[in-house]
Amino acid sequence: MAKFEATIGRLFRRIFVCKKCKQKVRTDISRIIAGSVKCRNCQGKAFRVIKSKSKG
């Protein structure tokens, strides 16, 4: 299966995962760094970048 840049961008760009409850949030990295984003589920402020699965 071919990897298209547009598809990879939609799936993995600007998506962060809450470290506490594993909820996904789509936002800008500048808002994550500033700490102005809260998790909708647990109200936590610790996020990580979503990991792309690689087949290889």
N, C-alpha and C. Protein backbone atom coordinates (compact mmCIF):
# COMPACT_ATOMS: atom_id res chain seq x y z
N MET A 1 0.84 -1.17 0.00
CA MET A 1 0.00 0.00 0.00
C MET A 1 0.89 1.24 0.00
N ALA A 2 0.55 2.20 -0.82
CA ALA A 2 1.34 3.42 -0.94
C ALA A 2 1.04 4.36 0.22
N LYS A 3 2.05 5.11 0.62
CA LYS A 3 1.87 6.12 1.67
C LYS A 3 1.78 7.48 1.01
N PHE A 4 0.69 8.16 1.22
CA PHE A 4 0.51 9.48 0.66
C PHE A 4 0.73 10.50 1.76
N GLU A 5 1.41 11.60 1.41
CA GLU A 5 1.73 12.64 2.40
C GLU A 5 0.47 13.24 3.01
N ALA A 6 -0.57 13.42 2.21
CA ALA A 6 -1.81 14.00 2.72
C ALA A 6 -2.46 13.08 3.76
N THR A 7 -2.43 11.80 3.50
CA THR A 7 -3.02 10.84 4.44
C THR A 7 -2.23 10.79 5.73
N ILE A 8 -0.93 10.76 5.64
CA ILE A 8 -0.08 10.74 6.84
C ILE A 8 -0.27 12.01 7.64
N GLY A 9 -0.40 13.14 6.96
CA GLY A 9 -0.64 14.40 7.65
C GLY A 9 -1.95 14.41 8.41
N ARG A 10 -3.00 13.87 7.81
CA ARG A 10 -4.31 13.83 8.48
C ARG A 10 -4.28 12.92 9.70
N LEU A 11 -3.56 11.81 9.59
CA LEU A 11 -3.57 10.83 10.67
C LEU A 11 -2.68 11.21 11.85
N PHE A 12 -1.54 11.85 11.61
CA PHE A 12 -0.56 12.03 12.67
C PHE A 12 -0.17 13.47 12.98
N ARG A 13 -0.52 14.43 12.11
CA ARG A 13 -0.09 15.81 12.34
C ARG A 13 -1.05 16.52 13.28
N ARG A 14 -0.53 17.24 14.24
CA ARG A 14 -1.29 18.05 15.19
C ARG A 14 -2.18 17.22 16.11
N ILE A 15 -1.87 15.94 16.33
CA ILE A 15 -2.64 15.11 17.24
C ILE A 15 -1.74 14.75 18.42
N PHE A 16 -2.26 14.98 19.62
CA PHE A 16 -1.53 14.72 20.85
C PHE A 16 -2.36 13.80 21.72
N VAL A 17 -1.69 13.03 22.57
CA VAL A 17 -2.35 12.05 23.43
C VAL A 17 -2.10 12.44 24.88
N CYS A 18 -3.16 12.42 25.68
CA CYS A 18 -3.05 12.71 27.10
C CYS A 18 -2.26 11.58 27.76
N LYS A 19 -1.29 11.93 28.58
CA LYS A 19 -0.47 10.92 29.24
C LYS A 19 -1.20 10.22 30.37
N LYS A 20 -2.25 10.82 30.87
CA LYS A 20 -2.98 10.27 32.00
C LYS A 20 -4.08 9.29 31.56
N CYS A 21 -4.92 9.71 30.58
CA CYS A 21 -6.08 8.89 30.23
C CYS A 21 -6.06 8.41 28.77
N LYS A 22 -5.01 8.75 28.01
CA LYS A 22 -4.82 8.31 26.63
C LYS A 22 -5.88 8.85 25.66
N GLN A 23 -6.49 9.99 25.98
CA GLN A 23 -7.46 10.64 25.11
C GLN A 23 -6.73 11.44 24.03
N LYS A 24 -7.21 11.40 22.78
CA LYS A 24 -6.58 12.13 21.68
C LYS A 24 -7.16 13.53 21.58
N VAL A 25 -6.27 14.51 21.32
CA VAL A 25 -6.66 15.90 21.17
C VAL A 25 -5.95 16.45 19.94
N ARG A 26 -6.69 17.15 19.08
CA ARG A 26 -6.09 17.78 17.90
C ARG A 26 -5.95 19.27 18.17
N THR A 27 -4.72 19.76 18.21
CA THR A 27 -4.44 21.18 18.46
C THR A 27 -3.05 21.52 17.96
N ASP A 28 -2.69 22.78 18.06
CA ASP A 28 -1.37 23.23 17.63
C ASP A 28 -0.33 22.98 18.71
N ILE A 29 0.91 22.77 18.28
CA ILE A 29 1.99 22.50 19.23
C ILE A 29 2.30 23.71 20.10
N SER A 30 2.05 24.91 19.58
CA SER A 30 2.31 26.11 20.38
C SER A 30 1.37 26.20 21.58
N ARG A 31 0.14 25.74 21.43
CA ARG A 31 -0.80 25.73 22.55
C ARG A 31 -0.43 24.66 23.58
N ILE A 32 0.13 23.54 23.11
CA ILE A 32 0.58 22.48 24.02
C ILE A 32 1.76 22.98 24.85
N ILE A 33 2.71 23.65 24.20
CA ILE A 33 3.89 24.16 24.89
C ILE A 33 3.50 25.24 25.89
N ALA A 34 2.54 26.08 25.53
CA ALA A 34 2.10 27.15 26.43
C ALA A 34 1.30 26.62 27.61
N GLY A 35 0.79 25.40 27.51
CA GLY A 35 0.02 24.81 28.60
C GLY A 35 -1.42 25.28 28.65
N SER A 36 -1.93 25.79 27.53
CA SER A 36 -3.30 26.31 27.51
C SER A 36 -4.33 25.27 27.08
N VAL A 37 -3.90 24.03 26.87
CA VAL A 37 -4.81 22.97 26.46
C VAL A 37 -5.01 22.01 27.62
N LYS A 38 -6.28 21.69 27.89
CA LYS A 38 -6.61 20.70 28.91
C LYS A 38 -7.31 19.54 28.25
N CYS A 39 -7.12 18.37 28.80
CA CYS A 39 -7.79 17.17 28.30
C CYS A 39 -9.29 17.29 28.59
N ARG A 40 -10.11 16.91 27.62
CA ARG A 40 -11.56 16.98 27.81
C ARG A 40 -12.05 15.96 28.82
N ASN A 41 -11.32 14.88 28.94
CA ASN A 41 -11.77 13.77 29.79
C ASN A 41 -11.33 13.93 31.25
N CYS A 42 -10.04 14.16 31.48
CA CYS A 42 -9.51 14.16 32.84
C CYS A 42 -8.98 15.52 33.30
N GLN A 43 -9.04 16.54 32.44
CA GLN A 43 -8.57 17.89 32.75
C GLN A 43 -7.06 17.97 32.96
N GLY A 44 -6.31 16.98 32.49
CA GLY A 44 -4.86 16.98 32.61
C GLY A 44 -4.21 17.88 31.57
N LYS A 45 -2.96 18.27 31.82
CA LYS A 45 -2.24 19.14 30.89
C LYS A 45 -0.97 18.50 30.34
N ALA A 46 -0.75 17.23 30.59
CA ALA A 46 0.44 16.54 30.10
C ALA A 46 0.08 15.76 28.84
N PHE A 47 0.71 16.13 27.72
CA PHE A 47 0.44 15.49 26.44
C PHE A 47 1.72 15.00 25.80
N ARG A 48 1.58 14.03 24.89
CA ARG A 48 2.69 13.55 24.10
C ARG A 48 2.23 13.48 22.65
N VAL A 49 3.18 13.40 21.74
CA VAL A 49 2.87 13.29 20.31
C VAL A 49 2.40 11.88 20.04
N ILE A 50 1.43 11.75 19.13
CA ILE A 50 0.95 10.43 18.75
C ILE A 50 2.05 9.70 17.99
N LYS A 51 2.19 8.40 18.21
CA LYS A 51 3.21 7.62 17.55
C LYS A 51 2.64 6.99 16.28
N SER A 52 3.36 7.12 15.18
CA SER A 52 2.94 6.51 13.94
C SER A 52 3.42 5.07 13.91
N LYS A 53 2.57 4.17 13.52
CA LYS A 53 2.93 2.76 13.46
C LYS A 53 3.70 2.51 12.16
N SER A 54 4.83 1.86 12.27
CA SER A 54 5.60 1.57 11.08
C SER A 54 5.61 0.07 10.84
N LYS A 55 5.34 -0.30 9.62
CA LYS A 55 5.38 -1.71 9.25
C LYS A 55 6.72 -1.97 8.60
N GLY A 56 7.58 -2.63 9.31
CA GLY A 56 8.84 -2.84 8.66
C GLY A 56 9.77 -3.55 9.48
